[in-house]
Amino acid sequence: YDVRVRMADEQRRDLESFDGIYVPSTNSGTGMV
C-alpha cells in the first residue's frame, strides 16, 4: 500500500485553510512568504 502524506480532511474543506502555509523565497532577507 502506498503511504501518502497530505493535509487532514478537515484542513482541506475550504481554501482559507491554505492561508497559513508558507513557501521559501529566493530573495535575501525575505525568508518565508
All heavy atoms as atom14 arrays in JSON, in Angstrom:
{
  "sequence": "YDVRVRMADEQRRDLESFDGIYVPSTNSGTGMV",
  "atom14_mask": [
    [1, 1, 1, 1, 1, 1, 1, 1, 1, 1, 1, 1, 0, 0],
    [1, 1, 1, 1, 1, 1, 1, 1, 0, 0, 0, 0, 0, 0],
    [1, 1, 1, 1, 1, 1, 1, 0, 0, 0, 0, 0, 0, 0],
    [1, 1, 1, 1, 1, 1, 1, 1, 1, 1, 1, 0, 0, 0],
    [1, 1, 1, 1, 1, 1, 1, 0, 0, 0, 0, 0, 0, 0],
    [1, 1, 1, 1, 1, 1, 1, 1, 1, 1, 1, 0, 0, 0],
    [1, 1, 1, 1, 1, 1, 1, 1, 0, 0, 0, 0, 0, 0],
    [1, 1, 1, 1, 1, 0, 0, 0, 0, 0, 0, 0, 0, 0],
    [1, 1, 1, 1, 1, 1, 1, 1, 0, 0, 0, 0, 0, 0],
    [1, 1, 1, 1, 1, 1, 1, 1, 1, 0, 0, 0, 0, 0],
    [1, 1, 1, 1, 1, 1, 1, 1, 1, 0, 0, 0, 0, 0],
    [1, 1, 1, 1, 1, 1, 1, 1, 1, 1, 1, 0, 0, 0],
    [1, 1, 1, 1, 1, 1, 1, 1, 1, 1, 1, 0, 0, 0],
    [1, 1, 1, 1, 1, 1, 1, 1, 0, 0, 0, 0, 0, 0],
    [1, 1, 1, 1, 1, 1, 1, 1, 0, 0, 0, 0, 0, 0],
    [1, 1, 1, 1, 1, 1, 1, 1, 1, 0, 0, 0, 0, 0],
    [1, 1, 1, 1, 1, 1, 0, 0, 0, 0, 0, 0, 0, 0],
    [1, 1, 1, 1, 1, 1, 1, 1, 1, 1, 1, 0, 0, 0],
    [1, 1, 1, 1, 1, 1, 1, 1, 0, 0, 0, 0, 0, 0],
    [1, 1, 1, 1, 0, 0, 0, 0, 0, 0, 0, 0, 0, 0],
    [1, 1, 1, 1, 1, 1, 1, 1, 0, 0, 0, 0, 0, 0],
    [1, 1, 1, 1, 1, 1, 1, 1, 1, 1, 1, 1, 0, 0],
    [1, 1, 1, 1, 1, 1, 1, 0, 0, 0, 0, 0, 0, 0],
    [1, 1, 1, 1, 1, 1, 1, 0, 0, 0, 0, 0, 0, 0],
    [1, 1, 1, 1, 1, 1, 0, 0, 0, 0, 0, 0, 0, 0],
    [1, 1, 1, 1, 1, 1, 1, 0, 0, 0, 0, 0, 0, 0],
    [1, 1, 1, 1, 1, 1, 1, 1, 0, 0, 0, 0, 0, 0],
    [1, 1, 1, 1, 1, 1, 0, 0, 0, 0, 0, 0, 0, 0],
    [1, 1, 1, 1, 0, 0, 0, 0, 0, 0, 0, 0, 0, 0],
    [1, 1, 1, 1, 1, 1, 1, 0, 0, 0, 0, 0, 0, 0],
    [1, 1, 1, 1, 0, 0, 0, 0, 0, 0, 0, 0, 0, 0],
    [1, 1, 1, 1, 1, 1, 1, 1, 0, 0, 0, 0, 0, 0],
    [1, 1, 1, 1, 1, 1, 1, 0, 0, 0, 0, 0, 0, 0]
  ],
  "atom14_positions": [
    [[0.85, -1.19, 0.0], [0.0, 0.0, 0.0], [0.89, 1.24, 0.0], [1.89, 1.29, 0.71], [-0.92, 0.03, 1.22], [-1.81, -1.2, 1.33], [-1.4, -2.31, 2.07], [-3.04, -1.24, 0.68], [-2.2, -3.44, 2.16], [-3.84, -2.36, 0.77], [-3.43, -3.46, 1.51], [-4.22, -4.56, 1.59], [0.0, 0.0, 0.0], [0.0, 0.0, 0.0]],
    [[0.52, 2.23, -0.84], [1.27, 3.48, -0.87], [1.0, 4.28, 0.4], [-0.13, 4.33, 0.91], [0.86, 4.31, -2.08], [1.34, 3.68, -3.39], [2.32, 2.91, -3.35], [0.71, 3.98, -4.44], [0.0, 0.0, 0.0], [0.0, 0.0, 0.0], [0.0, 0.0, 0.0], [0.0, 0.0, 0.0], [0.0, 0.0, 0.0], [0.0, 0.0, 0.0]],
    [[2.05, 4.9, 0.89], [1.94, 5.8, 2.04], [1.96, 7.23, 1.48], [2.96, 7.68, 0.94], [3.08, 5.58, 3.04], [2.97, 6.57, 4.19], [3.08, 4.14, 3.55], [0.0, 0.0, 0.0], [0.0, 0.0, 0.0], [0.0, 0.0, 0.0], [0.0, 0.0, 0.0], [0.0, 0.0, 0.0], [0.0, 0.0, 0.0], [0.0, 0.0, 0.0]],
    [[0.84, 7.91, 1.63], [0.68, 9.25, 1.06], [0.54, 10.25, 2.19], [-0.28, 10.08, 3.1], [-0.53, 9.3, 0.15], [-0.74, 10.63, -0.56], [-1.98, 10.55, -1.46], [-1.81, 9.57, -2.51], [-1.25, 9.81, -3.69], [-0.8, 11.03, -3.97], [-1.12, 8.87, -4.59], [0.0, 0.0, 0.0], [0.0, 0.0, 0.0], [0.0, 0.0, 0.0]],
    [[1.33, 11.31, 2.11], [1.3, 12.36, 3.12], [0.57, 13.57, 2.53], [0.92, 14.05, 1.45], [2.72, 12.75, 3.56], [2.67, 13.91, 4.56], [3.42, 11.55, 4.17], [0.0, 0.0, 0.0], [0.0, 0.0, 0.0], [0.0, 0.0, 0.0], [0.0, 0.0, 0.0], [0.0, 0.0, 0.0], [0.0, 0.0, 0.0], [0.0, 0.0, 0.0]],
    [[-0.45, 14.08, 3.24], [-1.18, 15.26, 2.81], [-1.88, 15.85, 4.02], [-1.84, 15.3, 5.11], [-2.2, 14.91, 1.73], [-3.33, 14.01, 2.21], [-4.27, 13.66, 1.08], [-5.4, 12.86, 1.56], [-6.31, 12.32, 0.76], [-6.21, 12.49, -0.55], [-7.31, 11.62, 1.28], [0.0, 0.0, 0.0], [0.0, 0.0, 0.0], [0.0, 0.0, 0.0]],
    [[-2.53, 16.98, 3.8], [-3.25, 17.63, 4.89], [-4.47, 16.78, 5.27], [-5.02, 16.05, 4.46], [-3.72, 19.03, 4.46], [-2.59, 20.01, 4.18], [-3.17, 21.62, 3.62], [-4.05, 22.18, 5.08], [0.0, 0.0, 0.0], [0.0, 0.0, 0.0], [0.0, 0.0, 0.0], [0.0, 0.0, 0.0], [0.0, 0.0, 0.0], [0.0, 0.0, 0.0]],
    [[-4.86, 16.91, 6.53], [-6.01, 16.16, 7.02], [-7.27, 16.63, 6.29], [-7.34, 17.73, 5.74], [-6.17, 16.34, 8.52], [0.0, 0.0, 0.0], [0.0, 0.0, 0.0], [0.0, 0.0, 0.0], [0.0, 0.0, 0.0], [0.0, 0.0, 0.0], [0.0, 0.0, 0.0], [0.0, 0.0, 0.0], [0.0, 0.0, 0.0], [0.0, 0.0, 0.0]],
    [[-8.3, 15.77, 6.28], [-9.53, 16.1, 5.55], [-10.17, 17.37, 6.07], [-10.67, 18.19, 5.29], [-10.51, 14.94, 5.66], [-10.02, 13.71, 4.89], [-9.16, 13.89, 4.0], [-10.51, 12.59, 5.16], [0.0, 0.0, 0.0], [0.0, 0.0, 0.0], [0.0, 0.0, 0.0], [0.0, 0.0, 0.0], [0.0, 0.0, 0.0], [0.0, 0.0, 0.0]],
    [[-10.18, 17.58, 7.38], [-10.81, 18.79, 7.92], [-10.04, 20.06, 7.59], [-10.58, 21.16, 7.67], [-10.97, 18.68, 9.44], [-9.68, 18.48, 10.21], [-9.28, 17.02, 10.35], [-9.91, 16.17, 9.66], [-8.35, 16.73, 11.11], [0.0, 0.0, 0.0], [0.0, 0.0, 0.0], [0.0, 0.0, 0.0], [0.0, 0.0, 0.0], [0.0, 0.0, 0.0]],
    [[-8.76, 19.89, 7.19], [-7.97, 21.05, 6.8], [-8.08, 21.37, 5.3], [-7.52, 22.36, 4.85], [-6.48, 20.81, 7.15], [-6.22, 20.68, 8.63], [-4.77, 20.36, 8.91], [-4.14, 19.58, 8.18], [-4.23, 20.94, 9.98], [0.0, 0.0, 0.0], [0.0, 0.0, 0.0], [0.0, 0.0, 0.0], [0.0, 0.0, 0.0], [0.0, 0.0, 0.0]],
    [[-8.8, 20.52, 4.56], [-8.92, 20.72, 3.12], [-10.36, 21.02, 2.69], [-10.71, 20.84, 1.55], [-8.43, 19.46, 2.37], [-6.97, 19.15, 2.61], [-6.48, 17.97, 1.79], [-7.17, 16.73, 2.12], [-7.85, 16.0, 1.24], [-7.93, 16.39, -0.01], [-8.46, 14.9, 1.63], [0.0, 0.0, 0.0], [0.0, 0.0, 0.0], [0.0, 0.0, 0.0]],
    [[-11.16, 21.5, 3.62], [-12.57, 21.74, 3.32], [-12.8, 23.1, 2.67], [-13.8, 23.31, 2.01], [-13.39, 21.62, 4.59], [-13.45, 20.18, 5.13], [-14.23, 20.11, 6.41], [-14.29, 18.74, 6.9], [-14.83, 18.39, 8.07], [-15.35, 19.33, 8.86], [-14.85, 17.13, 8.45], [0.0, 0.0, 0.0], [0.0, 0.0, 0.0], [0.0, 0.0, 0.0]],
    [[-11.9, 24.05, 2.84], [-12.06, 25.35, 2.21], [-10.67, 25.9, 1.89], [-9.65, 25.43, 2.4], [-12.82, 26.32, 3.12], [-12.25, 26.38, 4.52], [-11.03, 26.63, 4.65], [-13.0, 26.18, 5.49], [0.0, 0.0, 0.0], [0.0, 0.0, 0.0], [0.0, 0.0, 0.0], [0.0, 0.0, 0.0], [0.0, 0.0, 0.0], [0.0, 0.0, 0.0]],
    [[-10.65, 26.93, 1.02], [-9.37, 27.49, 0.59], [-8.69, 28.3, 1.67], [-7.48, 28.53, 1.59], [-9.6, 28.36, -0.65], [-10.14, 27.65, -1.9], [-10.26, 28.64, -3.05], [-9.24, 26.49, -2.3], [0.0, 0.0, 0.0], [0.0, 0.0, 0.0], [0.0, 0.0, 0.0], [0.0, 0.0, 0.0], [0.0, 0.0, 0.0], [0.0, 0.0, 0.0]],
    [[-9.44, 28.76, 2.66], [-8.81, 29.54, 3.73], [-7.84, 28.7, 4.54], [-7.0, 29.24, 5.28], [-9.89, 30.12, 4.65], [-10.61, 31.34, 4.09], [-11.55, 30.99, 2.95], [-11.86, 29.78, 2.79], [-11.96, 31.89, 2.2], [0.0, 0.0, 0.0], [0.0, 0.0, 0.0], [0.0, 0.0, 0.0], [0.0, 0.0, 0.0], [0.0, 0.0, 0.0]],
    [[-7.93, 27.37, 4.44], [-7.02, 26.51, 5.19], [-5.58, 26.65, 4.72], [-4.65, 26.32, 5.44], [-7.46, 25.04, 5.06], [-8.79, 24.87, 5.53], [0.0, 0.0, 0.0], [0.0, 0.0, 0.0], [0.0, 0.0, 0.0], [0.0, 0.0, 0.0], [0.0, 0.0, 0.0], [0.0, 0.0, 0.0], [0.0, 0.0, 0.0], [0.0, 0.0, 0.0]],
    [[-5.4, 27.16, 3.49], [-4.06, 27.28, 2.94], [-3.41, 28.64, 3.25], [-2.26, 28.86, 2.88], [-4.1, 27.09, 1.41], [-4.55, 25.72, 0.99], [-5.88, 25.48, 0.71], [-3.64, 24.68, 0.88], [-6.3, 24.22, 0.31], [-4.04, 23.43, 0.47], [-5.38, 23.18, 0.2], [0.0, 0.0, 0.0], [0.0, 0.0, 0.0], [0.0, 0.0, 0.0]],
    [[-4.15, 29.53, 3.91], [-3.6, 30.85, 4.16], [-2.39, 30.82, 5.09], [-1.49, 31.66, 5.0], [-4.68, 31.77, 4.75], [-5.75, 32.09, 3.73], [-5.49, 31.88, 2.53], [-6.85, 32.54, 4.12], [0.0, 0.0, 0.0], [0.0, 0.0, 0.0], [0.0, 0.0, 0.0], [0.0, 0.0, 0.0], [0.0, 0.0, 0.0], [0.0, 0.0, 0.0]],
    [[-2.34, 29.85, 5.95], [-1.22, 29.77, 6.9], [-0.04, 28.99, 6.4], [0.89, 28.72, 7.18], [0.0, 0.0, 0.0], [0.0, 0.0, 0.0], [0.0, 0.0, 0.0], [0.0, 0.0, 0.0], [0.0, 0.0, 0.0], [0.0, 0.0, 0.0], [0.0, 0.0, 0.0], [0.0, 0.0, 0.0], [0.0, 0.0, 0.0], [0.0, 0.0, 0.0]],
    [[-0.04, 28.62, 5.13], [1.06, 27.86, 4.56], [2.09, 28.83, 3.99], [1.74, 29.83, 3.35], [0.56, 26.9, 3.47], [-0.53, 25.98, 4.02], [1.7, 26.08, 2.89], [-0.07, 25.1, 5.16], [0.0, 0.0, 0.0], [0.0, 0.0, 0.0], [0.0, 0.0, 0.0], [0.0, 0.0, 0.0], [0.0, 0.0, 0.0], [0.0, 0.0, 0.0]],
    [[3.36, 28.53, 4.2], [4.44, 29.4, 3.75], [5.33, 28.65, 2.77], [5.51, 27.42, 2.88], [5.28, 29.89, 4.93], [4.56, 30.88, 5.81], [3.67, 30.44, 6.79], [4.76, 32.25, 5.66], [3.0, 31.34, 7.61], [4.1, 33.16, 6.47], [3.22, 32.7, 7.45], [2.55, 33.61, 8.24], [0.0, 0.0, 0.0], [0.0, 0.0, 0.0]],
    [[5.89, 29.39, 1.83], [6.84, 28.83, 0.87], [8.11, 29.66, 0.92], [8.07, 30.87, 1.24], [6.26, 28.82, -0.56], [5.09, 27.85, -0.67], [5.8, 30.22, -0.97], [0.0, 0.0, 0.0], [0.0, 0.0, 0.0], [0.0, 0.0, 0.0], [0.0, 0.0, 0.0], [0.0, 0.0, 0.0], [0.0, 0.0, 0.0], [0.0, 0.0, 0.0]],
    [[9.25, 29.05, 0.62], [10.51, 29.81, 0.71], [10.67, 30.79, -0.44], [10.15, 30.6, -1.54], [11.57, 28.71, 0.65], [10.91, 27.59, -0.08], [9.47, 27.62, 0.3], [0.0, 0.0, 0.0], [0.0, 0.0, 0.0], [0.0, 0.0, 0.0], [0.0, 0.0, 0.0], [0.0, 0.0, 0.0], [0.0, 0.0, 0.0], [0.0, 0.0, 0.0]],
    [[11.38, 31.88, -0.16], [11.67, 32.9, -1.15], [13.15, 32.9, -1.48], [13.99, 32.61, -0.62], [11.24, 34.27, -0.63], [11.69, 35.31, -1.49], [0.0, 0.0, 0.0], [0.0, 0.0, 0.0], [0.0, 0.0, 0.0], [0.0, 0.0, 0.0], [0.0, 0.0, 0.0], [0.0, 0.0, 0.0], [0.0, 0.0, 0.0], [0.0, 0.0, 0.0]],
    [[13.47, 33.23, -2.7], [14.87, 33.3, -3.13], [15.49, 34.66, -2.84], [16.71, 34.82, -2.99], [14.97, 33.0, -4.63], [14.17, 33.93, -5.35], [14.5, 31.58, -4.94], [0.0, 0.0, 0.0], [0.0, 0.0, 0.0], [0.0, 0.0, 0.0], [0.0, 0.0, 0.0], [0.0, 0.0, 0.0], [0.0, 0.0, 0.0], [0.0, 0.0, 0.0]],
    [[14.66, 35.65, -2.47], [15.2, 36.97, -2.14], [15.85, 36.92, -0.77], [15.28, 36.38, 0.2], [14.09, 38.03, -2.15], [13.55, 38.25, -3.54], [14.18, 37.86, -4.53], [12.38, 38.87, -3.63], [0.0, 0.0, 0.0], [0.0, 0.0, 0.0], [0.0, 0.0, 0.0], [0.0, 0.0, 0.0], [0.0, 0.0, 0.0], [0.0, 0.0, 0.0]],
    [[17.03, 37.51, -0.7], [17.71, 37.54, 0.59], [16.97, 38.47, 1.54], [16.58, 39.58, 1.21], [19.16, 38.04, 0.41], [19.17, 39.31, -0.18], [0.0, 0.0, 0.0], [0.0, 0.0, 0.0], [0.0, 0.0, 0.0], [0.0, 0.0, 0.0], [0.0, 0.0, 0.0], [0.0, 0.0, 0.0], [0.0, 0.0, 0.0], [0.0, 0.0, 0.0]],
    [[16.74, 37.99, 2.76], [16.06, 38.8, 3.76], [14.56, 38.65, 3.77], [13.89, 39.13, 4.7], [0.0, 0.0, 0.0], [0.0, 0.0, 0.0], [0.0, 0.0, 0.0], [0.0, 0.0, 0.0], [0.0, 0.0, 0.0], [0.0, 0.0, 0.0], [0.0, 0.0, 0.0], [0.0, 0.0, 0.0], [0.0, 0.0, 0.0], [0.0, 0.0, 0.0]],
    [[14.0, 38.0, 2.74], [12.54, 37.83, 2.72], [12.1, 36.64, 3.53], [11.09, 36.68, 4.23], [12.05, 37.69, 1.26], [12.46, 38.83, 0.52], [10.54, 37.57, 1.2], [0.0, 0.0, 0.0], [0.0, 0.0, 0.0], [0.0, 0.0, 0.0], [0.0, 0.0, 0.0], [0.0, 0.0, 0.0], [0.0, 0.0, 0.0], [0.0, 0.0, 0.0]],
    [[12.85, 35.55, 3.47], [12.52, 34.37, 4.25], [11.35, 33.62, 3.65], [11.33, 33.33, 2.45], [0.0, 0.0, 0.0], [0.0, 0.0, 0.0], [0.0, 0.0, 0.0], [0.0, 0.0, 0.0], [0.0, 0.0, 0.0], [0.0, 0.0, 0.0], [0.0, 0.0, 0.0], [0.0, 0.0, 0.0], [0.0, 0.0, 0.0], [0.0, 0.0, 0.0]],
    [[10.34, 33.36, 4.47], [9.17, 32.61, 4.04], [8.02, 33.58, 3.7], [7.87, 34.62, 4.32], [8.72, 31.65, 5.13], [9.81, 30.69, 5.61], [10.34, 29.54, 4.33], [8.91, 28.48, 4.26], [0.0, 0.0, 0.0], [0.0, 0.0, 0.0], [0.0, 0.0, 0.0], [0.0, 0.0, 0.0], [0.0, 0.0, 0.0], [0.0, 0.0, 0.0]],
    [[7.24, 33.18, 2.69], [6.12, 34.01, 2.22], [4.86, 33.18, 2.3], [4.82, 32.02, 1.87], [6.36, 34.5, 0.78], [5.19, 35.37, 0.31], [7.67, 35.25, 0.67], [0.0, 0.0, 0.0], [0.0, 0.0, 0.0], [0.0, 0.0, 0.0], [0.0, 0.0, 0.0], [0.0, 0.0, 0.0], [0.0, 0.0, 0.0], [0.0, 0.0, 0.0]]
  ]
}
